[in-house]
């Protein structure tokens, strides 16, 4: 499995930028129209734009990789750390996901839609650390499909 850099940034997707630009243009256009209520409508549209920004779906960029990635998180049992890491790295042929336990761990899978590239890493919630990441590794879709039943979509 090929190792990649661990720097992941959350960014707006192209679709997000187009929608925000269109709403901004509509709000500004309403401010310059003469007539009853148009300026108020423009202010309301711009206020709605400001409230929309935090709720947009974001993509992820990974240093050393081209394109936009989507994130899927799979909750897992913390006691199976070595088994999960071995499975993600391709050292183990199979892994049976255990029931989810509070305070466990998760596997983050970043998927690039353009070519289906999948990068995964193990994230452990440790009581003494803010969180310990494993490094990103390229994984096959068959490995990721084993975690599908534990899927939690992340915006």
Foldseek 3Di string as FASTA:
>chain_A
DDFDFADKDKAADPVRVVVLVVLLVCLVVLCPDDDPPSVVVSVVSVVVSVVCVVVHDIWMDGPPDDATWFKKKFAAAAVCVVVLVCLQVPNDPDDQGDDHDPQGWMKIWIAGVVPGWIWIWIWHPDPVDNIDIDTIDTGDVVSVVNRVVRIDGDD
